[in-house]
Amino acid sequence: MKNDKEMVGTLLGFDGYVNMVLADVTEFEFTAQGKRITKLPHILLNGSNIVMMVPGGEGPEI
Protein backbone atom coordinates (compact mmCIF):
# COMPACT_ATOMS: atom_id res chain seq x y z
CA MET A 1 0.00 0.00 0.00
CA LYS A 2 1.09 3.56 -0.61
CA ASN A 3 0.60 4.82 2.94
CA ASP A 4 2.65 2.46 5.15
CA LYS A 5 -0.07 -0.19 5.35
CA GLU A 6 0.04 -3.87 4.49
CA MET A 7 -2.99 -6.09 3.97
CA VAL A 8 -2.86 -9.87 4.33
CA GLY A 9 -5.89 -11.92 3.37
CA THR A 10 -7.50 -14.40 1.02
CA LEU A 11 -8.09 -13.11 -2.50
CA LEU A 12 -11.71 -13.73 -3.52
CA GLY A 13 -11.66 -11.82 -6.81
CA PHE A 14 -10.33 -8.90 -8.82
CA ASP A 15 -11.13 -6.93 -11.97
CA GLY A 16 -9.22 -5.33 -14.84
CA TYR A 17 -8.29 -2.33 -12.67
CA VAL A 18 -6.84 -4.66 -10.01
CA ASN A 19 -9.56 -3.73 -7.52
CA MET A 20 -9.60 -6.67 -5.12
CA VAL A 21 -12.03 -8.34 -2.75
CA LEU A 22 -10.19 -9.91 0.21
CA ALA A 23 -11.52 -12.07 3.05
CA ASP A 24 -10.12 -12.68 6.55
CA VAL A 25 -7.95 -9.57 6.30
CA THR A 26 -5.26 -8.46 8.71
CA GLU A 27 -4.25 -4.82 8.23
CA PHE A 28 -0.80 -3.77 9.45
CA GLU A 29 -0.36 0.01 9.79
CA PHE A 30 3.04 1.45 10.58
CA THR A 31 2.99 4.73 12.55
CA ALA A 32 5.49 6.79 14.51
CA GLN A 33 4.11 5.13 17.67
CA GLY A 34 4.66 1.61 16.32
CA LYS A 35 2.58 -1.01 14.55
CA ARG A 36 -1.23 -1.17 14.69
CA ILE A 37 -3.00 -4.38 13.69
CA THR A 38 -6.68 -4.51 12.65
CA LYS A 39 -8.67 -7.64 11.74
CA LEU A 40 -11.46 -7.30 9.14
CA PRO A 41 -13.84 -9.95 7.75
CA HIS A 42 -13.96 -8.56 4.15
CA ILE A 43 -12.63 -5.55 2.26
CA LEU A 44 -12.80 -4.05 -1.23
CA LEU A 45 -9.34 -2.68 -1.98
CA ASN A 46 -9.02 -0.03 -4.70
CA GLY A 47 -6.43 -1.05 -7.30
CA SER A 48 -4.85 2.42 -7.42
CA ASN A 49 -3.63 1.87 -3.83
CA ILE A 50 -1.84 -1.41 -4.55
CA VAL A 51 1.93 -1.25 -4.97
CA MET A 52 2.92 -4.93 -4.75
CA MET A 53 1.34 -8.36 -4.30
CA VAL A 54 3.15 -11.34 -2.77
CA PRO A 55 1.35 -14.68 -3.24
CA GLY A 56 1.55 -16.73 -0.06
CA GLY A 57 2.92 -13.78 1.93
CA GLU A 58 2.25 -13.73 5.67
CA GLY A 59 2.80 -10.06 6.43
CA PRO A 60 5.41 -8.44 8.65
CA GLU A 61 6.73 -9.99 11.84
CA ILE A 62 4.66 -9.03 14.87
C-alpha atoms as a PDB file:
ATOM      1  CA  MET A   1       0.000   0.000   0.000  1.00  0.00           C
ATOM      2  CA  LYS A   2       1.091   3.563  -0.609  1.00  0.00           C
ATOM      3  CA  ASN A   3       0.601   4.817   2.942  1.00  0.00           C
ATOM      4  CA  ASP A   4       2.654   2.458   5.153  1.00  0.00           C
ATOM      5  CA  LYS A   5      -0.073  -0.190   5.354  1.00  0.00           C
ATOM      6  CA  GLU A   6       0.037  -3.866   4.495  1.00  0.00           C
ATOM      7  CA  MET A   7      -2.986  -6.093   3.974  1.00  0.00           C
ATOM      8  CA  VAL A   8      -2.858  -9.872   4.333  1.00  0.00           C
ATOM      9  CA  GLY A   9      -5.893 -11.918   3.373  1.00  0.00           C
ATOM     10  CA  THR A  10      -7.496 -14.402   1.020  1.00  0.00           C
ATOM     11  CA  LEU A  11      -8.091 -13.111  -2.502  1.00  0.00           C
ATOM     12  CA  LEU A  12     -11.707 -13.731  -3.519  1.00  0.00           C
ATOM     13  CA  GLY A  13     -11.657 -11.823  -6.806  1.00  0.00           C
ATOM     14  CA  PHE A  14     -10.327  -8.904  -8.818  1.00  0.00           C
ATOM     15  CA  ASP A  15     -11.129  -6.932 -11.966  1.00  0.00           C
ATOM     16  CA  GLY A  16      -9.220  -5.326 -14.844  1.00  0.00           C
ATOM     17  CA  TYR A  17      -8.293  -2.329 -12.675  1.00  0.00           C
ATOM     18  CA  VAL A  18      -6.836  -4.662 -10.010  1.00  0.00           C
ATOM     19  CA  ASN A  19      -9.564  -3.729  -7.524  1.00  0.00           C
ATOM     20  CA  MET A  20      -9.601  -6.666  -5.116  1.00  0.00           C
ATOM     21  CA  VAL A  21     -12.027  -8.338  -2.746  1.00  0.00           C
ATOM     22  CA  LEU A  22     -10.189  -9.905   0.207  1.00  0.00           C
ATOM     23  CA  ALA A  23     -11.522 -12.068   3.052  1.00  0.00           C
ATOM     24  CA  ASP A  24     -10.117 -12.679   6.551  1.00  0.00           C
ATOM     25  CA  VAL A  25      -7.953  -9.572   6.301  1.00  0.00           C
ATOM     26  CA  THR A  26      -5.259  -8.455   8.713  1.00  0.00           C
ATOM     27  CA  GLU A  27      -4.246  -4.820   8.233  1.00  0.00           C
ATOM     28  CA  PHE A  28      -0.796  -3.770   9.451  1.00  0.00           C
ATOM     29  CA  GLU A  29      -0.365   0.006   9.788  1.00  0.00           C
ATOM     30  CA  PHE A  30       3.042   1.454  10.581  1.00  0.00           C
ATOM     31  CA  THR A  31       2.989   4.730  12.548  1.00  0.00           C
ATOM     32  CA  ALA A  32       5.493   6.789  14.514  1.00  0.00           C
ATOM     33  CA  GLN A  33       4.106   5.132  17.672  1.00  0.00           C
ATOM     34  CA  GLY A  34       4.659   1.607  16.319  1.00  0.00           C
ATOM     35  CA  LYS A  35       2.584  -1.007  14.552  1.00  0.00           C
ATOM     36  CA  ARG A  36      -1.227  -1.167  14.693  1.00  0.00           C
ATOM     37  CA  ILE A  37      -3.005  -4.382  13.695  1.00  0.00           C
ATOM     38  CA  THR A  38      -6.675  -4.513  12.654  1.00  0.00           C
ATOM     39  CA  LYS A  39      -8.674  -7.641  11.740  1.00  0.00           C
ATOM     40  CA  LEU A  40     -11.459  -7.299   9.145  1.00  0.00           C
ATOM     41  CA  PRO A  41     -13.844  -9.950   7.748  1.00  0.00           C
ATOM     42  CA  HIS A  42     -13.956  -8.562   4.155  1.00  0.00           C
ATOM     43  CA  ILE A  43     -12.633  -5.549   2.256  1.00  0.00           C
ATOM     44  CA  LEU A  44     -12.800  -4.045  -1.227  1.00  0.00           C
ATOM     45  CA  LEU A  45      -9.336  -2.683  -1.982  1.00  0.00           C
ATOM     46  CA  ASN A  46      -9.025  -0.031  -4.701  1.00  0.00           C
ATOM     47  CA  GLY A  47      -6.434  -1.048  -7.300  1.00  0.00           C
ATOM     48  CA  SER A  48      -4.846   2.425  -7.416  1.00  0.00           C
ATOM     49  CA  ASN A  49      -3.629   1.868  -3.826  1.00  0.00           C
ATOM     50  CA  ILE A  50      -1.837  -1.408  -4.549  1.00  0.00           C
ATOM     51  CA  VAL A  51       1.935  -1.246  -4.967  1.00  0.00           C
ATOM     52  CA  MET A  52       2.921  -4.930  -4.751  1.00  0.00           C
ATOM     53  CA  MET A  53       1.338  -8.362  -4.304  1.00  0.00           C
ATOM     54  CA  VAL A  54       3.153 -11.338  -2.766  1.00  0.00           C
ATOM     55  CA  PRO A  55       1.349 -14.675  -3.241  1.00  0.00           C
ATOM     56  CA  GLY A  56       1.555 -16.728  -0.056  1.00  0.00           C
ATOM     57  CA  GLY A  57       2.918 -13.779   1.935  1.00  0.00           C
ATOM     58  CA  GLU A  58       2.255 -13.730   5.667  1.00  0.00           C
ATOM     59  CA  GLY A  59       2.802 -10.062   6.434  1.00  0.00           C
ATOM     60  CA  PRO A  60       5.405  -8.436   8.653  1.00  0.00           C
ATOM     61  CA  GLU A  61       6.729  -9.986  11.841  1.00  0.00           C
ATOM     62  CA  ILE A  62       4.660  -9.030  14.872  1.00  0.00           C
END
